[in-house]
Amino acid sequence: MKLPPIRLSNTGRRLLLTGLFITVSGVLSGLPMLALWGQVILAVLVLGYPLTMRAALRCHPDALMISCLPPVGPGGGVVAGQELRLSICVDNPGLAAIPIAHVLPICSNGIQIMKDATSKRLPAQSNTTWEIPATALRVGPAQIYGVQLKLGGPMGLFQSTSYRPIDLPVSILPRSASTRRSRLKLKATVAEQDALNAQSSQVRGMSNDIRELREHVPGDPFKHIAWKASARARKLIVKEYESQENLSAYVLLDIGGTMRWGEIGSTRLDSAIDLTFHLARTLATQHGQFGLLSFDHDLYGLTRASAGLGMPRRVMEHLLEVHAVVHEGFTDISTDGLVHKIGEFLKTHDGIDFTLSETLLAMSQHAISPFDAEAIFSHVSNYLQKHKLLDTHLHMVSEPAADSRLARLRHFCRLRGIELPYRRDTLPYPKEVGLTRAIQRAISIGGGPHTLIVVSDLVGIRDMDQFLNAVGLARSHRHRLVFFCHDGPGFDIPTSEQGLESRLSGLYADELLQKRRELAHRLRASRIDVRMLGLNAA
């Protein structure tokens, strides 16, 4: 039976130094009683070790049962930005009491523990519950991996730390899902009144009622040109008609790396998720159709437009996956890095060590990770087959993975809550390509015309002509476009705050803002509705 490590506590270290000092002082000064007193102190330490070991044996997984109740927030569900309480239950079926110094849940990045549980003594044959305050930081799937127990020895001289896996998944809902939230930080009422008025909205159509005469923009149908008005104005003028019909709406949500800049829970993507779900729930009450397309440099996910009270739930499932992306085309981790991450997780949380022996590690000259990749592949495959876990990427429509074995590793990461780093570099991955594919997909779905609501920070778009051609393509198919340009709490470039790097970061941010202003200006010149949200709105 493997015992958890037993170490001296701060009290034990002070007592050890005190005993050594008194003993040495007694010997050097020729005072045997003083030296004897120091040896008595050291003897207390020696006796405390086996007693602490005895307490550690009582905390063996077969002797101590630990569980965590599903956490709930103030309104019942777990909502981003709100506090929740984790109920850790410890059952001591033994015949002796166990002193526990503290209890600390180990969670993924979506949950922040506010403070450890206070010391408590577990009586024999009893069940004790700790209520530990925490905060849900961001929308998406989170994981309570396990609980770290710190056991106290006699007089607090020694401590033994023990870890117990729990593997409790938690779904953190958007702020707009809270029924107690009085108002949104982002004013979505504008979108309700203008962009999502599905009750007999006036849109571009094919009836005989002319809505307006306006300047021609690329993508307008040739037959809509008003030739007489064009001759008088000496430029192309087109007639825009109106039609009375119910609309469906698609949100084209930018999930790129620039949307993830900032602190956890305070990024532009977090605000965009809140807005998207609020729009979905609002349209559900108006019996309209709502769909969602997520994109970065490529199309990522699709939830087809539908109506009814079940529609917000399907949109919610899509939004929860946005912060749990594991696809190789959107994450920034090598094969060795992936194997190493899974190996560390299995070693820490499951107690399974796939570390290569020193002989094999020396033979593997090109191996970066110290873990046995083949053994990890085999373990993950057996785990997925044993638990009959199906693919959870129900909304993902991006290209399938090139390597099926690596795809299984990434699927394992998603199921066990192992977070993979998202791509942050925008240079090799132009965002206008993903937006173009999202617009093309919305057009190919049919059932329009749709109101296409693009929620993005418009950063990472370099080929403006390709971007505007995609906008013109949507308009030529009688879709209405509305842009919500998200800036969030601030336009912060992730970097250190020192020296030349900080100054270059500031120049880079200014360049991005200037490009975004230029892009917004060109959209408005084409009579596209652009609404800037955030501190740097322009």
Protein backbone atom coordinates (compact mmCIF):
# COMPACT_ATOMS: atom_id res chain seq x y z
CA MET A 1 0.00 0.00 0.00
CA LYS A 2 1.50 3.28 -1.11
CA LEU A 3 1.35 5.97 1.54
CA PRO A 4 1.03 9.66 0.76
CA PRO A 5 4.18 11.67 1.57
CA ILE A 6 4.49 12.82 5.18
CA ARG A 7 6.32 16.09 5.80
CA LEU A 8 7.04 18.37 8.71
CA SER A 9 4.60 21.22 9.17
CA ASN A 10 5.76 24.75 9.98
CA THR A 11 5.19 23.97 13.67
CA GLY A 12 7.23 20.79 13.35
CA ARG A 13 10.12 22.61 11.63
CA ARG A 14 10.25 25.21 14.40
CA LEU A 15 10.19 22.49 17.06
CA LEU A 16 12.97 20.59 15.26
CA LEU A 17 15.21 23.66 15.14
CA THR A 18 14.42 24.42 18.75
CA GLY A 19 15.32 20.88 19.87
CA LEU A 20 18.57 20.88 17.91
CA PHE A 21 19.54 24.29 19.24
CA ILE A 22 18.89 23.32 22.87
CA THR A 23 20.70 20.00 22.49
CA VAL A 24 23.79 21.56 20.88
CA SER A 25 23.79 24.39 23.43
CA GLY A 26 23.61 21.90 26.32
CA VAL A 27 26.49 19.82 24.93
CA LEU A 28 28.74 22.81 24.23
CA SER A 29 28.05 24.46 27.57
CA GLY A 30 28.42 21.24 29.58
CA LEU A 31 24.84 21.29 30.91
CA PRO A 32 23.50 17.72 30.61
CA MET A 33 19.98 18.65 31.77
CA LEU A 34 19.68 21.22 29.02
CA ALA A 35 20.89 18.71 26.46
CA LEU A 36 18.44 16.13 27.83
CA TRP A 37 15.58 18.62 27.50
CA GLY A 38 16.49 19.17 23.83
CA GLN A 39 16.53 15.41 23.25
CA VAL A 40 13.05 15.12 24.79
CA ILE A 41 11.78 17.65 22.25
CA LEU A 42 13.35 15.67 19.41
CA ALA A 43 11.84 12.45 20.82
CA VAL A 44 8.38 14.05 20.61
CA LEU A 45 9.01 14.64 16.92
CA VAL A 46 10.16 11.05 16.41
CA LEU A 47 7.00 9.70 18.08
CA GLY A 48 4.78 12.06 16.06
CA TYR A 49 5.86 10.54 12.74
CA PRO A 50 4.36 7.02 13.17
CA LEU A 51 1.19 8.53 14.62
CA THR A 52 0.83 10.70 11.52
CA MET A 53 1.51 7.64 9.37
CA ARG A 54 -1.29 5.86 11.17
CA ALA A 55 -3.69 8.69 10.33
CA ALA A 56 -2.55 8.60 6.71
CA LEU A 57 -3.34 4.87 6.54
CA ARG A 58 -6.90 5.65 7.64
CA CYS A 59 -7.23 7.99 4.67
CA HIS A 60 -6.49 5.29 2.12
CA PRO A 61 -9.04 5.28 -0.74
CA ASP A 62 -10.50 2.01 0.55
CA ALA A 63 -10.97 3.48 4.04
CA LEU A 64 -12.16 7.02 3.33
CA MET A 65 -14.88 7.90 0.80
CA ILE A 66 -14.98 11.38 -0.74
CA SER A 67 -17.63 12.79 -3.04
CA CYS A 68 -18.75 16.17 -4.36
CA LEU A 69 -22.35 17.14 -4.89
CA PRO A 70 -23.17 18.89 -8.20
CA PRO A 71 -22.57 22.60 -7.55
CA VAL A 72 -25.43 25.07 -7.78
CA GLY A 73 -25.50 28.84 -8.00
CA PRO A 74 -27.92 31.40 -6.53
CA GLY A 75 -30.62 30.67 -9.13
CA GLY A 76 -30.11 26.91 -9.25
CA GLY A 77 -27.77 26.69 -12.25
CA VAL A 78 -24.09 27.57 -12.46
CA VAL A 79 -23.82 30.91 -14.28
CA ALA A 80 -20.61 32.65 -15.35
CA GLY A 81 -19.58 35.50 -13.06
CA GLN A 82 -21.61 34.26 -10.10
CA GLU A 83 -20.60 32.53 -6.90
CA LEU A 84 -21.31 28.87 -6.21
CA ARG A 85 -20.69 26.50 -3.37
CA LEU A 86 -18.93 23.16 -3.65
CA SER A 87 -20.20 20.59 -1.16
CA ILE A 88 -17.37 18.15 -0.38
CA CYS A 89 -18.61 15.12 1.56
CA VAL A 90 -16.11 12.95 3.44
CA ASP A 91 -17.32 9.66 4.93
CA ASN A 92 -15.17 8.13 7.67
CA PRO A 93 -16.42 4.57 8.30
CA GLY A 94 -13.46 3.75 10.57
CA LEU A 95 -13.39 3.41 14.33
CA ALA A 96 -10.98 6.32 14.91
CA ALA A 97 -11.26 10.07 14.35
CA ILE A 98 -9.13 11.69 11.64
CA PRO A 99 -7.79 15.25 11.93
CA ILE A 100 -8.04 17.13 8.58
CA ALA A 101 -6.04 20.34 8.22
CA HIS A 102 -7.74 21.54 5.04
CA VAL A 103 -9.74 20.45 1.99
CA LEU A 104 -9.00 21.96 -1.42
CA PRO A 105 -10.94 21.05 -4.60
CA ILE A 106 -8.79 20.94 -7.75
CA CYS A 107 -10.73 22.41 -10.69
CA SER A 108 -10.21 23.46 -14.29
CA ASN A 109 -9.71 27.10 -15.29
CA GLY A 110 -13.45 27.74 -15.48
CA ILE A 111 -13.84 27.58 -11.67
CA GLN A 112 -11.86 29.59 -9.14
CA ILE A 113 -11.76 28.44 -5.51
CA MET A 114 -12.12 31.42 -3.19
CA LYS A 115 -10.63 29.81 -0.05
CA ASP A 116 -9.75 26.43 1.43
CA ALA A 117 -12.01 24.67 3.87
CA THR A 118 -11.16 25.21 7.54
CA SER A 119 -9.68 22.52 9.75
CA LYS A 120 -12.09 19.95 11.04
CA ARG A 121 -11.86 16.67 12.92
CA LEU A 122 -13.69 13.74 11.34
CA PRO A 123 -15.38 11.71 14.07
CA ALA A 124 -15.40 7.95 13.76
CA GLN A 125 -18.20 6.44 11.63
CA SER A 126 -19.49 9.81 10.50
CA ASN A 127 -20.14 11.82 7.35
CA THR A 128 -18.85 15.42 7.27
CA THR A 129 -19.56 18.07 4.64
CA TRP A 130 -17.48 21.14 3.79
CA GLU A 131 -19.11 24.06 1.97
CA ILE A 132 -16.36 25.70 -0.10
CA PRO A 133 -17.08 29.02 -1.89
CA ALA A 134 -16.02 29.33 -5.52
CA THR A 135 -16.69 31.50 -8.56
CA ALA A 136 -17.67 30.39 -12.06
CA LEU A 137 -15.35 32.39 -14.33
CA ARG A 138 -16.43 31.68 -17.90
CA VAL A 139 -19.02 29.94 -20.03
CA GLY A 140 -18.38 26.37 -21.06
CA PRO A 141 -17.64 22.95 -19.64
CA ALA A 142 -15.60 22.90 -16.45
CA GLN A 143 -14.28 20.00 -14.43
CA ILE A 144 -13.82 19.29 -10.75
CA TYR A 145 -10.87 16.94 -11.05
CA GLY A 146 -10.53 15.91 -7.44
CA VAL A 147 -9.94 16.93 -3.83
CA GLN A 148 -6.66 17.49 -2.04
CA LEU A 149 -6.73 16.54 1.64
CA LYS A 150 -4.09 17.73 4.07
CA LEU A 151 -4.05 15.58 7.21
CA GLY A 152 -2.74 16.92 10.49
CA GLY A 153 -0.61 14.80 12.81
CA PRO A 154 -0.39 14.95 16.61
CA MET A 155 0.00 18.56 17.79
CA GLY A 156 0.23 19.58 14.14
CA LEU A 157 3.89 18.51 13.89
CA PHE A 158 3.52 16.55 10.64
CA GLN A 159 1.23 16.84 7.63
CA SER A 160 0.30 14.32 4.98
CA THR A 161 -1.18 15.45 1.64
CA SER A 162 -3.49 13.07 -0.17
CA TYR A 163 -5.29 13.52 -3.51
CA ARG A 164 -8.59 11.88 -4.48
CA PRO A 165 -9.97 12.02 -8.05
CA ILE A 166 -13.64 12.90 -8.45
CA ASP A 167 -14.12 13.81 -12.16
CA LEU A 168 -17.31 15.81 -11.83
CA PRO A 169 -18.21 17.76 -15.00
CA VAL A 170 -19.90 21.14 -14.58
CA SER A 171 -21.61 23.19 -17.29
CA ILE A 172 -21.27 26.93 -16.75
CA LEU A 173 -24.07 28.87 -18.45
CA PRO A 174 -23.90 32.35 -20.01
CA ARG A 175 -24.69 35.36 -17.86
CA SER A 176 -27.75 36.04 -19.99
CA ALA A 177 -29.15 32.64 -18.91
CA SER A 178 -29.56 33.90 -15.34
CA THR A 179 -33.15 34.80 -14.48
CA ARG A 180 -31.88 37.02 -11.66
CA ARG A 181 -29.76 39.19 -13.91
CA SER A 182 -31.46 42.58 -14.11
CA ARG A 183 -29.83 43.70 -17.33
CA LEU A 184 -27.05 42.77 -19.72
CA LYS A 185 -23.72 44.51 -19.76
CA LEU A 186 -24.06 44.57 -23.54
CA LYS A 187 -27.25 46.28 -24.68
CA ALA A 188 -28.93 43.59 -26.73
CA THR A 189 -32.29 45.37 -26.81
CA VAL A 190 -31.13 47.18 -29.95
CA ALA A 191 -30.72 43.87 -31.70
CA GLU A 192 -34.14 42.74 -30.49
CA GLN A 193 -35.86 45.76 -31.97
CA ASP A 194 -33.95 46.07 -35.23
CA ALA A 195 -31.97 42.97 -36.12
CA LEU A 196 -34.33 40.28 -34.79
CA ASN A 197 -37.80 41.67 -35.37
CA ALA A 198 -39.18 38.49 -36.82
CA GLN A 199 -42.79 39.57 -36.60
CA SER A 200 -43.50 40.88 -40.12
CA SER A 201 -40.17 42.64 -40.71
CA GLN A 202 -39.49 44.86 -43.68
CA VAL A 203 -36.62 43.33 -45.64
CA ARG A 204 -35.25 43.39 -49.13
CA GLY A 205 -37.62 41.37 -51.28
CA MET A 206 -39.19 40.98 -54.70
CA SER A 207 -42.56 42.72 -54.22
CA ASN A 208 -43.70 45.79 -56.15
CA ASP A 209 -43.26 48.20 -53.21
CA ILE A 210 -40.02 50.16 -53.50
CA ARG A 211 -38.35 50.63 -50.16
CA GLU A 212 -35.67 53.12 -51.28
CA LEU A 213 -33.29 54.19 -54.02
CA ARG A 214 -29.67 53.88 -53.06
CA GLU A 215 -26.19 53.74 -54.51
CA HIS A 216 -25.14 50.50 -56.14
CA VAL A 217 -22.83 48.21 -54.15
CA PRO A 218 -21.05 45.06 -55.39
CA GLY A 219 -23.44 42.10 -55.36
CA ASP A 220 -26.67 44.00 -56.12
CA PRO A 221 -28.78 42.26 -58.81
CA PHE A 222 -28.34 43.79 -62.26
CA LYS A 223 -32.08 43.95 -62.86
CA HIS A 224 -32.59 46.21 -59.82
CA ILE A 225 -30.62 49.10 -61.36
CA ALA A 226 -32.76 52.25 -61.78
CA TRP A 227 -31.43 53.45 -65.14
CA LYS A 228 -33.19 56.82 -65.24
CA ALA A 229 -32.09 57.71 -61.72
CA SER A 230 -28.57 56.48 -62.55
CA ALA A 231 -28.42 58.76 -65.60
CA ARG A 232 -29.47 61.78 -63.53
CA ALA A 233 -27.01 61.01 -60.72
CA ARG A 234 -24.25 59.94 -63.14
CA LYS A 235 -23.63 56.84 -61.05
CA LEU A 236 -25.36 53.51 -60.63
CA ILE A 237 -28.51 53.67 -58.47
CA VAL A 238 -30.49 50.57 -57.52
CA LYS A 239 -34.07 50.09 -56.39
CA GLU A 240 -34.52 48.25 -53.11
CA TYR A 241 -37.84 46.53 -52.57
CA GLU A 242 -39.52 45.41 -49.41
CA SER A 243 -41.37 42.27 -48.52
CA GLN A 244 -43.58 41.37 -45.56
CA GLU A 245 -42.40 37.98 -44.31
CA ASN A 246 -41.10 36.34 -41.18
CA LEU A 247 -37.32 36.20 -40.92
CA SER A 248 -34.89 33.70 -39.52
CA ALA A 249 -31.62 34.90 -38.04
CA TYR A 250 -28.14 33.43 -37.93
CA VAL A 251 -25.41 34.67 -35.63
CA LEU A 252 -21.96 34.32 -37.17
CA LEU A 253 -19.82 34.15 -34.03
CA ASP A 254 -16.09 34.87 -34.20
CA ILE A 255 -14.27 32.46 -31.85
CA GLY A 256 -10.73 33.39 -32.96
CA GLY A 257 -7.66 33.99 -30.85
CA THR A 258 -8.10 37.78 -30.76
CA MET A 259 -11.55 37.31 -29.24
CA ARG A 260 -9.90 35.37 -26.40
CA TRP A 261 -7.43 38.09 -25.39
CA GLY A 262 -7.83 39.23 -21.80
CA GLU A 263 -8.50 37.66 -18.43
CA ILE A 264 -10.54 34.48 -18.06
CA GLY A 265 -14.22 35.41 -18.01
CA SER A 266 -13.63 38.99 -19.25
CA THR A 267 -12.73 38.42 -22.89
CA ARG A 268 -14.57 39.70 -25.93
CA LEU A 269 -15.64 36.12 -26.62
CA ASP A 270 -17.33 35.86 -23.21
CA SER A 271 -19.32 39.02 -23.92
CA ALA A 272 -20.19 37.77 -27.42
CA ILE A 273 -21.49 34.48 -25.98
CA ASP A 274 -23.74 36.39 -23.58
CA LEU A 275 -25.14 38.47 -26.42
CA THR A 276 -25.67 35.46 -28.69
CA PHE A 277 -27.63 33.47 -26.12
CA HIS A 278 -29.72 36.49 -25.17
CA LEU A 279 -30.68 36.95 -28.83
CA ALA A 280 -31.57 33.26 -29.12
CA ARG A 281 -33.79 33.31 -26.06
CA THR A 282 -35.46 36.57 -27.13
CA LEU A 283 -36.27 35.21 -30.58
CA ALA A 284 -37.61 31.98 -29.08
CA THR A 285 -40.25 33.97 -27.21
CA GLN A 286 -41.22 35.66 -30.50
CA HIS A 287 -41.58 32.29 -32.30
CA GLY A 288 -38.82 33.15 -34.76
CA GLN A 289 -36.06 30.95 -36.13
CA PHE A 290 -32.49 31.26 -34.89
CA GLY A 291 -29.27 29.51 -35.85
CA LEU A 292 -25.58 29.80 -35.02
CA LEU A 293 -22.39 29.53 -37.08
CA SER A 294 -19.02 29.77 -35.31
CA PHE A 295 -15.84 30.51 -37.22
CA ASP A 296 -12.21 31.57 -36.99
CA HIS A 297 -9.89 31.11 -39.97
CA ASP A 298 -12.26 28.29 -40.93
CA LEU A 299 -15.83 27.34 -40.22
CA TYR A 300 -15.99 25.55 -36.86
CA GLY A 301 -19.57 24.78 -35.82
CA LEU A 302 -23.16 24.96 -37.05
CA THR A 303 -26.53 24.90 -35.33
CA ARG A 304 -29.24 25.08 -37.97
CA ALA A 305 -31.95 27.69 -37.58
CA SER A 306 -35.04 26.39 -35.83
CA ALA A 307 -37.94 27.71 -33.78
CA GLY A 308 -39.56 26.72 -30.53
CA LEU A 309 -38.57 26.60 -26.88
CA GLY A 310 -35.96 23.88 -27.55
CA MET A 311 -33.94 26.18 -29.80
CA PRO A 312 -32.12 28.08 -26.99
CA ARG A 313 -31.01 24.73 -25.54
CA ARG A 314 -29.41 23.70 -28.85
CA VAL A 315 -27.71 27.09 -29.16
CA MET A 316 -26.52 26.75 -25.55
CA GLU A 317 -24.92 23.38 -26.31
CA HIS A 318 -23.03 24.96 -29.20
CA LEU A 319 -21.88 27.92 -27.10
CA LEU A 320 -20.62 25.63 -24.32
CA GLU A 321 -18.24 23.97 -26.79
CA VAL A 322 -16.65 27.27 -27.85
CA HIS A 323 -14.32 27.31 -24.81
CA ALA A 324 -13.50 23.59 -25.15
CA VAL A 325 -12.05 23.45 -28.66
CA VAL A 326 -9.70 20.49 -29.18
CA HIS A 327 -9.64 20.25 -33.00
CA GLU A 328 -6.13 20.23 -34.44
CA GLY A 329 -6.91 23.05 -36.86
CA PHE A 330 -7.76 25.46 -34.05
CA THR A 331 -5.38 24.50 -31.24
CA ASP A 332 -1.68 25.19 -30.85
CA ILE A 333 -0.02 22.05 -29.49
CA SER A 334 2.31 19.48 -31.04
CA THR A 335 1.91 15.71 -30.90
CA ASP A 336 4.63 15.42 -28.24
CA GLY A 337 3.01 18.22 -26.27
CA LEU A 338 -0.36 16.46 -26.44
CA VAL A 339 1.11 13.16 -25.24
CA HIS A 340 2.98 14.95 -22.45
CA LYS A 341 -0.18 16.78 -21.31
CA ILE A 342 -2.20 13.57 -21.15
CA GLY A 343 0.66 11.70 -19.46
CA GLU A 344 0.93 14.34 -16.73
CA PHE A 345 -2.86 14.29 -16.23
CA LEU A 346 -3.03 10.50 -15.90
CA LYS A 347 -0.08 10.48 -13.51
CA THR A 348 -1.50 13.24 -11.30
CA HIS A 349 -5.23 12.52 -11.31
CA ASP A 350 -5.56 8.80 -12.07
CA GLY A 351 -2.34 7.58 -10.47
CA ILE A 352 -1.26 5.86 -13.72
CA ASP A 353 2.38 6.45 -14.58
CA PHE A 354 3.40 5.98 -18.22
CA THR A 355 6.86 7.46 -17.74
CA LEU A 356 9.54 5.75 -19.80
CA SER A 357 12.33 4.03 -17.94
CA GLU A 358 15.75 5.65 -18.05
CA THR A 359 16.99 2.97 -20.47
CA LEU A 360 14.13 3.46 -22.93
CA LEU A 361 14.36 7.24 -22.58
CA ALA A 362 18.05 7.11 -23.45
CA MET A 363 17.30 4.94 -26.49
CA SER A 364 14.58 7.38 -27.67
CA GLN A 365 16.95 10.11 -28.76
CA HIS A 366 14.26 12.15 -30.52
CA ALA A 367 11.62 11.88 -27.80
CA ILE A 368 10.66 15.21 -26.25
CA SER A 369 8.09 13.83 -23.80
CA PRO A 370 9.24 11.41 -21.06
CA PHE A 371 6.00 9.41 -21.43
CA ASP A 372 5.39 6.26 -23.45
CA ALA A 373 3.24 7.48 -26.36
CA GLU A 374 2.14 4.00 -27.47
CA ALA A 375 1.03 3.05 -23.97
CA ILE A 376 -0.96 6.28 -23.69
CA PHE A 377 -2.59 5.65 -27.11
CA SER A 378 -3.60 2.18 -25.97
CA HIS A 379 -4.94 3.42 -22.61
CA VAL A 380 -7.02 6.18 -24.21
CA SER A 381 -8.49 3.80 -26.81
CA ASN A 382 -9.45 1.29 -24.11
CA TYR A 383 -10.95 4.08 -21.99
CA LEU A 384 -13.13 5.35 -24.84
CA GLN A 385 -14.21 1.84 -25.79
CA LYS A 386 -14.89 0.72 -22.22
CA HIS A 387 -17.04 3.71 -21.37
CA LYS A 388 -18.65 3.73 -24.84
CA LEU A 389 -18.17 7.46 -25.04
CA LEU A 390 -19.53 8.95 -28.24
CA ASP A 391 -18.16 12.01 -29.97
CA THR A 392 -19.47 15.13 -28.23
CA HIS A 393 -18.69 17.49 -31.11
CA LEU A 394 -22.30 17.51 -32.27
CA HIS A 395 -22.06 21.01 -33.74
CA MET A 396 -18.60 20.83 -35.30
CA VAL A 397 -18.54 21.00 -39.10
CA SER A 398 -14.84 21.77 -39.65
CA GLU A 399 -12.57 19.40 -41.56
CA PRO A 400 -12.01 16.01 -39.85
CA ALA A 401 -8.67 15.33 -38.22
CA ALA A 402 -5.89 14.02 -40.42
CA ASP A 403 -4.74 11.41 -37.87
CA SER A 404 -7.47 9.30 -36.24
CA ARG A 405 -5.21 8.28 -33.33
CA LEU A 406 -4.48 11.91 -32.47
CA ALA A 407 -8.19 12.64 -32.84
CA ARG A 408 -8.90 10.07 -30.12
CA LEU A 409 -6.35 11.72 -27.84
CA ARG A 410 -8.00 15.09 -28.40
CA HIS A 411 -11.43 13.59 -27.80
CA PHE A 412 -10.13 12.15 -24.53
CA CYS A 413 -8.91 15.65 -23.56
CA ARG A 414 -12.39 17.05 -24.20
CA LEU A 415 -14.11 14.35 -22.13
CA ARG A 416 -11.71 14.60 -19.17
CA GLY A 417 -11.56 18.40 -19.15
CA ILE A 418 -7.91 18.70 -20.27
CA GLU A 419 -7.65 22.17 -21.81
CA LEU A 420 -5.61 22.60 -24.99
CA PRO A 421 -4.16 26.01 -25.91
CA TYR A 422 -6.05 27.83 -28.67
CA ARG A 423 -4.18 29.38 -31.58
CA ARG A 424 -3.37 33.03 -30.80
CA ASP A 425 -1.35 33.91 -33.90
CA THR A 426 -3.56 35.49 -36.58
CA LEU A 427 -0.93 36.03 -39.29
CA PRO A 428 -0.96 32.57 -40.95
CA TYR A 429 -4.73 32.21 -40.49
CA PRO A 430 -6.74 35.00 -42.17
CA LYS A 431 -10.11 35.43 -40.53
CA GLU A 432 -11.88 36.63 -43.71
CA VAL A 433 -11.60 33.07 -45.08
CA GLY A 434 -13.58 31.68 -42.15
CA LEU A 435 -16.17 34.46 -42.35
CA THR A 436 -16.59 33.88 -46.09
CA ARG A 437 -17.17 30.17 -45.52
CA ALA A 438 -19.66 30.92 -42.74
CA ILE A 439 -21.63 33.25 -45.06
CA GLN A 440 -21.52 30.69 -47.87
CA ARG A 441 -22.78 28.00 -45.50
CA ALA A 442 -25.67 30.23 -44.35
CA ILE A 443 -26.59 30.85 -47.99
CA SER A 444 -26.40 27.15 -48.91
CA ILE A 445 -28.68 26.15 -46.02
CA GLY A 446 -31.60 27.90 -47.70
CA GLY A 447 -34.86 28.87 -46.04
CA GLY A 448 -34.00 32.55 -46.26
CA PRO A 449 -33.78 35.37 -46.43
CA HIS A 450 -31.89 35.42 -43.14
CA THR A 451 -30.70 38.22 -40.94
CA LEU A 452 -26.97 37.51 -40.58
CA ILE A 453 -25.63 38.99 -37.35
CA VAL A 454 -21.82 38.95 -37.38
CA VAL A 455 -20.40 39.18 -33.84
CA SER A 456 -16.67 39.82 -34.12
CA ASP A 457 -13.86 42.19 -33.19
CA LEU A 458 -12.96 42.49 -36.92
CA VAL A 459 -9.31 41.88 -36.04
CA GLY A 460 -7.23 39.55 -38.20
CA ILE A 461 -8.95 40.48 -41.46
CA ARG A 462 -6.24 41.42 -43.95
CA ASP A 463 -7.81 40.99 -47.38
CA MET A 464 -10.60 43.58 -47.23
CA ASP A 465 -11.65 42.95 -50.84
CA GLN A 466 -12.32 39.27 -50.17
CA PHE A 467 -14.19 40.24 -47.03
CA LEU A 468 -16.37 42.79 -48.85
CA ASN A 469 -17.02 40.33 -51.67
CA ALA A 470 -18.42 37.90 -49.10
CA VAL A 471 -20.64 40.66 -47.73
CA GLY A 472 -21.82 41.45 -51.25
CA LEU A 473 -22.54 37.76 -51.85
CA ALA A 474 -24.84 37.67 -48.82
CA ARG A 475 -26.67 40.80 -49.95
CA SER A 476 -27.10 39.47 -53.47
CA HIS A 477 -29.07 36.57 -51.96
CA ARG A 478 -31.34 39.05 -50.14
CA HIS A 479 -29.80 38.43 -46.69
CA ARG A 480 -29.57 41.37 -44.33
CA LEU A 481 -26.26 41.92 -42.54
CA VAL A 482 -25.68 43.46 -39.11
CA PHE A 483 -22.21 43.69 -37.55
CA PHE A 484 -21.67 43.83 -33.80
CA CYS A 485 -18.01 44.76 -33.42
CA HIS A 486 -16.95 43.51 -30.02
CA ASP A 487 -14.16 45.25 -28.18
CA GLY A 488 -15.03 43.99 -24.71
CA PRO A 489 -13.47 45.54 -21.60
CA GLY A 490 -10.35 46.69 -23.43
CA PHE A 491 -8.15 46.08 -26.43
CA ASP A 492 -5.31 44.39 -24.62
CA ILE A 493 -2.49 42.60 -26.41
CA PRO A 494 -1.20 39.64 -24.34
CA THR A 495 2.41 40.47 -23.48
CA SER A 496 4.70 41.39 -20.63
CA GLU A 497 4.48 44.97 -19.45
CA GLN A 498 8.13 45.87 -19.73
CA GLY A 499 10.47 47.55 -22.15
CA LEU A 500 10.53 47.31 -25.90
CA GLU A 501 8.03 44.46 -26.11
CA SER A 502 5.39 46.56 -24.35
CA ARG A 503 5.95 49.52 -26.70
CA LEU A 504 5.79 47.29 -29.77
CA SER A 505 2.61 45.76 -28.41
CA GLY A 506 1.07 49.23 -28.11
CA LEU A 507 2.01 50.05 -31.71
CA TYR A 508 0.54 46.75 -32.86
CA ALA A 509 -2.72 47.47 -31.01
CA ASP A 510 -2.91 50.92 -32.64
CA GLU A 511 -2.41 49.33 -36.06
CA LEU A 512 -5.18 46.80 -35.43
CA LEU A 513 -7.55 49.53 -34.28
CA GLN A 514 -6.77 51.63 -37.36
CA LYS A 515 -7.46 48.70 -39.69
CA ARG A 516 -10.71 48.00 -37.90
CA ARG A 517 -11.83 51.64 -38.23
CA GLU A 518 -11.06 51.52 -41.93
CA LEU A 519 -12.99 48.29 -42.34
CA ALA A 520 -15.99 49.65 -40.39
CA HIS A 521 -15.93 52.80 -42.54
CA ARG A 522 -16.01 50.77 -45.75
CA LEU A 523 -18.89 48.67 -44.44
CA ARG A 524 -20.91 51.75 -43.53
CA ALA A 525 -20.14 53.24 -46.95
CA SER A 526 -21.80 50.11 -48.39
CA ARG A 527 -24.86 50.76 -46.19
CA ILE A 528 -24.06 47.90 -43.81
CA ASP A 529 -25.25 48.34 -40.22
CA VAL A 530 -22.12 48.33 -37.99
CA ARG A 531 -22.51 48.74 -34.22
CA MET A 532 -19.37 49.13 -32.14
CA LEU A 533 -19.44 47.81 -28.58
CA GLY A 534 -16.68 48.44 -26.04
CA LEU A 535 -14.26 51.03 -24.70
CA ASN A 536 -12.45 51.55 -27.98
CA ALA A 537 -15.57 51.74 -30.10
CA ALA A 538 -15.10 53.91 -33.11
